[in-house]
Amino acid sequence: QLVESGGGLVQPGGSLTLSCEASEIVFRLPDMGWFRQAPGKQRELVATIDSGYGDPYYVDSVKGRFIISRDNLNNILYLQMNSLRSEDTAVYYCTSVTFSPAGPSAAGSWGQGTQVTVSS
């Protein structure tokens, strides 16, 4: 079970850092990703990071603004979000991902998520 935290209300242009921790002891987090779901929209991929070298992948809408990282010692996944925009408002989720020729996709279960609201 993964638990997301760090969401909140922030003004446009502000920053937030989200965290994702395993509620149970795990040997090592697998390939991981952040997803988000805005009101009335489908859940979408935001960023992924592989379990080996930590290579990141970002969707175009967050490139240059968000940074995904992981602490393999403590099994924590992070998402640093900078220059936030109103369109980033959503519930953010973390889960394991799998990679295929079609691209990355969610492979694990969903937690409660953490709400991010960007508004003045």
C-alpha atoms as a PDB file:
ATOM      1  CA  GLN A   1       0.000   0.000   0.000  1.00  0.00           C
ATOM      2  CA  LEU A   2       1.358   3.382  -1.033  1.00  0.00           C
ATOM      3  CA  VAL A   3       0.508   6.593   0.795  1.00  0.00           C
ATOM      4  CA  GLU A   4       0.721   9.968  -0.917  1.00  0.00           C
ATOM      5  CA  SER A   5       1.214  13.238   0.962  1.00  0.00           C
ATOM      6  CA  GLY A   6       2.326  16.819   0.482  1.00  0.00           C
ATOM      7  CA  GLY A   7      -0.593  18.253  -1.415  1.00  0.00           C
ATOM      8  CA  GLY A   8      -2.266  21.549  -0.596  1.00  0.00           C
ATOM      9  CA  LEU A   9      -3.359  24.921  -1.836  1.00  0.00           C
ATOM     10  CA  VAL A  10      -0.766  26.971  -3.673  1.00  0.00           C
ATOM     11  CA  GLN A  11      -0.839  30.110  -5.769  1.00  0.00           C
ATOM     12  CA  PRO A  12       0.002  30.017  -9.471  1.00  0.00           C
ATOM     13  CA  GLY A  13       3.754  30.024  -9.914  1.00  0.00           C
ATOM     14  CA  GLY A  14       4.290  28.363  -6.563  1.00  0.00           C
ATOM     15  CA  SER A  15       5.853  25.036  -5.673  1.00  0.00           C
ATOM     16  CA  LEU A  16       4.940  21.859  -3.833  1.00  0.00           C
ATOM     17  CA  THR A  17       6.741  18.600  -3.218  1.00  0.00           C
ATOM     18  CA  LEU A  18       4.708  15.412  -3.028  1.00  0.00           C
ATOM     19  CA  SER A  19       5.858  12.246  -1.285  1.00  0.00           C
ATOM     20  CA  CYS A  20       4.850   8.629  -1.727  1.00  0.00           C
ATOM     21  CA  GLU A  21       5.749   6.045   0.901  1.00  0.00           C
ATOM     22  CA  ALA A  22       5.085   2.349   1.213  1.00  0.00           C
ATOM     23  CA  SER A  23       2.988   1.615   4.282  1.00  0.00           C
ATOM     24  CA  GLU A  24       4.565  -1.809   4.535  1.00  0.00           C
ATOM     25  CA  ILE A  25       8.196  -2.786   4.479  1.00  0.00           C
ATOM     26  CA  VAL A  26       9.308  -3.414   0.930  1.00  0.00           C
ATOM     27  CA  PHE A  27      12.670  -4.520  -0.325  1.00  0.00           C
ATOM     28  CA  ARG A  28      12.788  -1.954  -3.067  1.00  0.00           C
ATOM     29  CA  LEU A  29      10.260   0.163  -4.858  1.00  0.00           C
ATOM     30  CA  PRO A  30       9.791  -0.996  -8.461  1.00  0.00           C
ATOM     31  CA  ASP A  31       9.520   1.302 -11.466  1.00  0.00           C
ATOM     32  CA  MET A  32       7.251   4.062 -10.210  1.00  0.00           C
ATOM     33  CA  GLY A  33       5.100   6.828 -11.532  1.00  0.00           C
ATOM     34  CA  TRP A  34       2.945   9.784 -10.575  1.00  0.00           C
ATOM     35  CA  PHE A  35      -0.504  10.177 -12.040  1.00  0.00           C
ATOM     36  CA  ARG A  36      -3.181  12.820 -11.581  1.00  0.00           C
ATOM     37  CA  GLN A  37      -6.904  13.142 -12.018  1.00  0.00           C
ATOM     38  CA  ALA A  38      -8.575  16.495 -12.416  1.00  0.00           C
ATOM     39  CA  PRO A  39     -12.312  16.934 -11.796  1.00  0.00           C
ATOM     40  CA  GLY A  40     -14.328  15.505 -14.653  1.00  0.00           C
ATOM     41  CA  LYS A  41     -11.261  14.124 -16.413  1.00  0.00           C
ATOM     42  CA  GLN A  42      -9.592  10.773 -16.744  1.00  0.00           C
ATOM     43  CA  ARG A  43      -6.558   9.903 -14.689  1.00  0.00           C
ATOM     44  CA  GLU A  44      -3.387  10.709 -16.601  1.00  0.00           C
ATOM     45  CA  LEU A  45       0.281   9.943 -16.343  1.00  0.00           C
ATOM     46  CA  VAL A  46       2.540  12.740 -15.120  1.00  0.00           C
ATOM     47  CA  ALA A  47       6.004  11.248 -14.697  1.00  0.00           C
ATOM     48  CA  THR A  48       7.823   7.973 -14.196  1.00  0.00           C
ATOM     49  CA  ILE A  49      11.171   6.855 -12.834  1.00  0.00           C
ATOM     50  CA  ASP A  50      12.777   3.473 -13.250  1.00  0.00           C
ATOM     51  CA  SER A  51      14.065   1.414 -10.351  1.00  0.00           C
ATOM     52  CA  GLY A  52      17.578   1.058 -11.697  1.00  0.00           C
ATOM     53  CA  TYR A  53      19.349   4.191 -12.853  1.00  0.00           C
ATOM     54  CA  GLY A  54      16.459   6.441 -11.938  1.00  0.00           C
ATOM     55  CA  ASP A  55      15.855   7.592 -15.487  1.00  0.00           C
ATOM     56  CA  PRO A  56      12.878   9.961 -15.525  1.00  0.00           C
ATOM     57  CA  TYR A  57      10.100  10.396 -18.042  1.00  0.00           C
ATOM     58  CA  TYR A  58       7.729  13.370 -18.139  1.00  0.00           C
ATOM     59  CA  VAL A  59       4.661  14.176 -20.123  1.00  0.00           C
ATOM     60  CA  ASP A  60       5.024  17.318 -22.195  1.00  0.00           C
ATOM     61  CA  SER A  61       2.755  19.434 -20.002  1.00  0.00           C
ATOM     62  CA  VAL A  62       5.080  19.171 -16.988  1.00  0.00           C
ATOM     63  CA  LYS A  63       8.494  19.018 -18.638  1.00  0.00           C
ATOM     64  CA  GLY A  64      10.850  21.633 -17.233  1.00  0.00           C
ATOM     65  CA  ARG A  65       8.554  22.252 -14.238  1.00  0.00           C
ATOM     66  CA  PHE A  66       8.278  18.935 -12.376  1.00  0.00           C
ATOM     67  CA  ILE A  67      11.056  16.694 -11.093  1.00  0.00           C
ATOM     68  CA  ILE A  68      10.510  13.074 -10.113  1.00  0.00           C
ATOM     69  CA  SER A  69      13.008  11.413  -7.805  1.00  0.00           C
ATOM     70  CA  ARG A  70      13.317   8.499  -5.456  1.00  0.00           C
ATOM     71  CA  ASP A  71      15.074   7.655  -2.203  1.00  0.00           C
ATOM     72  CA  ASN A  72      15.871   3.970  -2.590  1.00  0.00           C
ATOM     73  CA  LEU A  73      17.281   3.720   0.918  1.00  0.00           C
ATOM     74  CA  ASN A  74      13.993   4.735   2.495  1.00  0.00           C
ATOM     75  CA  ASN A  75      11.677   3.641  -0.341  1.00  0.00           C
ATOM     76  CA  ILE A  76      10.180   7.081  -0.885  1.00  0.00           C
ATOM     77  CA  LEU A  77       9.103   8.570  -4.182  1.00  0.00           C
ATOM     78  CA  TYR A  78       8.970  12.345  -4.673  1.00  0.00           C
ATOM     79  CA  LEU A  79       7.466  14.771  -7.134  1.00  0.00           C
ATOM     80  CA  GLN A  80       8.789  18.308  -6.957  1.00  0.00           C
ATOM     81  CA  MET A  81       6.373  20.628  -8.707  1.00  0.00           C
ATOM     82  CA  ASN A  82       7.475  24.122  -9.677  1.00  0.00           C
ATOM     83  CA  SER A  83       5.839  26.954 -11.605  1.00  0.00           C
ATOM     84  CA  LEU A  84       2.450  25.480 -10.846  1.00  0.00           C
ATOM     85  CA  ARG A  85      -0.514  26.397 -13.012  1.00  0.00           C
ATOM     86  CA  SER A  86      -4.233  26.212 -12.461  1.00  0.00           C
ATOM     87  CA  GLU A  87      -4.379  23.286 -14.886  1.00  0.00           C
ATOM     88  CA  ASP A  88      -2.161  21.291 -12.507  1.00  0.00           C
ATOM     89  CA  THR A  89      -5.044  21.166 -10.043  1.00  0.00           C
ATOM     90  CA  ALA A  90      -5.859  17.500  -9.481  1.00  0.00           C
ATOM     91  CA  VAL A  91      -5.609  14.600  -7.094  1.00  0.00           C
ATOM     92  CA  TYR A  92      -2.138  13.120  -7.454  1.00  0.00           C
ATOM     93  CA  TYR A  93      -1.460   9.409  -7.092  1.00  0.00           C
ATOM     94  CA  CYS A  94       1.622   7.229  -7.128  1.00  0.00           C
ATOM     95  CA  THR A  95       1.798   3.619  -8.183  1.00  0.00           C
ATOM     96  CA  SER A  96       4.121   1.145  -9.805  1.00  0.00           C
ATOM     97  CA  VAL A  97       4.393   1.279 -13.571  1.00  0.00           C
ATOM     98  CA  THR A  98       5.300  -1.036 -16.391  1.00  0.00           C
ATOM     99  CA  PHE A  99       6.955  -0.049 -19.639  1.00  0.00           C
ATOM    100  CA  SER A 100       5.933  -1.333 -23.049  1.00  0.00           C
ATOM    101  CA  PRO A 101       6.429  -0.208 -26.661  1.00  0.00           C
ATOM    102  CA  ALA A 102       3.230   1.780 -26.215  1.00  0.00           C
ATOM    103  CA  GLY A 103       4.754   3.658 -23.284  1.00  0.00           C
ATOM    104  CA  PRO A 104       4.457   3.504 -19.500  1.00  0.00           C
ATOM    105  CA  SER A 105       1.236   2.485 -17.795  1.00  0.00           C
ATOM    106  CA  ALA A 106       0.027   1.924 -14.251  1.00  0.00           C
ATOM    107  CA  ALA A 107       0.697  -1.536 -12.893  1.00  0.00           C
ATOM    108  CA  GLY A 108      -0.262  -1.342  -9.224  1.00  0.00           C
ATOM    109  CA  SER A 109      -3.200  -0.408  -7.053  1.00  0.00           C
ATOM    110  CA  TRP A 110      -4.308   3.128  -6.236  1.00  0.00           C
ATOM    111  CA  GLY A 111      -4.092   4.852  -2.875  1.00  0.00           C
ATOM    112  CA  GLN A 112      -6.112   7.790  -1.600  1.00  0.00           C
ATOM    113  CA  GLY A 113      -4.042  10.338  -3.459  1.00  0.00           C
ATOM    114  CA  THR A 114      -3.208  13.859  -2.358  1.00  0.00           C
ATOM    115  CA  GLN A 115      -5.092  16.946  -3.499  1.00  0.00           C
ATOM    116  CA  VAL A 116      -3.195  19.744  -5.211  1.00  0.00           C
ATOM    117  CA  THR A 117      -5.083  22.958  -5.797  1.00  0.00           C
ATOM    118  CA  VAL A 118      -3.492  25.826  -7.693  1.00  0.00           C
ATOM    119  CA  SER A 119      -5.482  28.979  -7.247  1.00  0.00           C
ATOM    120  CA  SER A 120      -5.062  32.613  -6.362  1.00  0.00           C
END
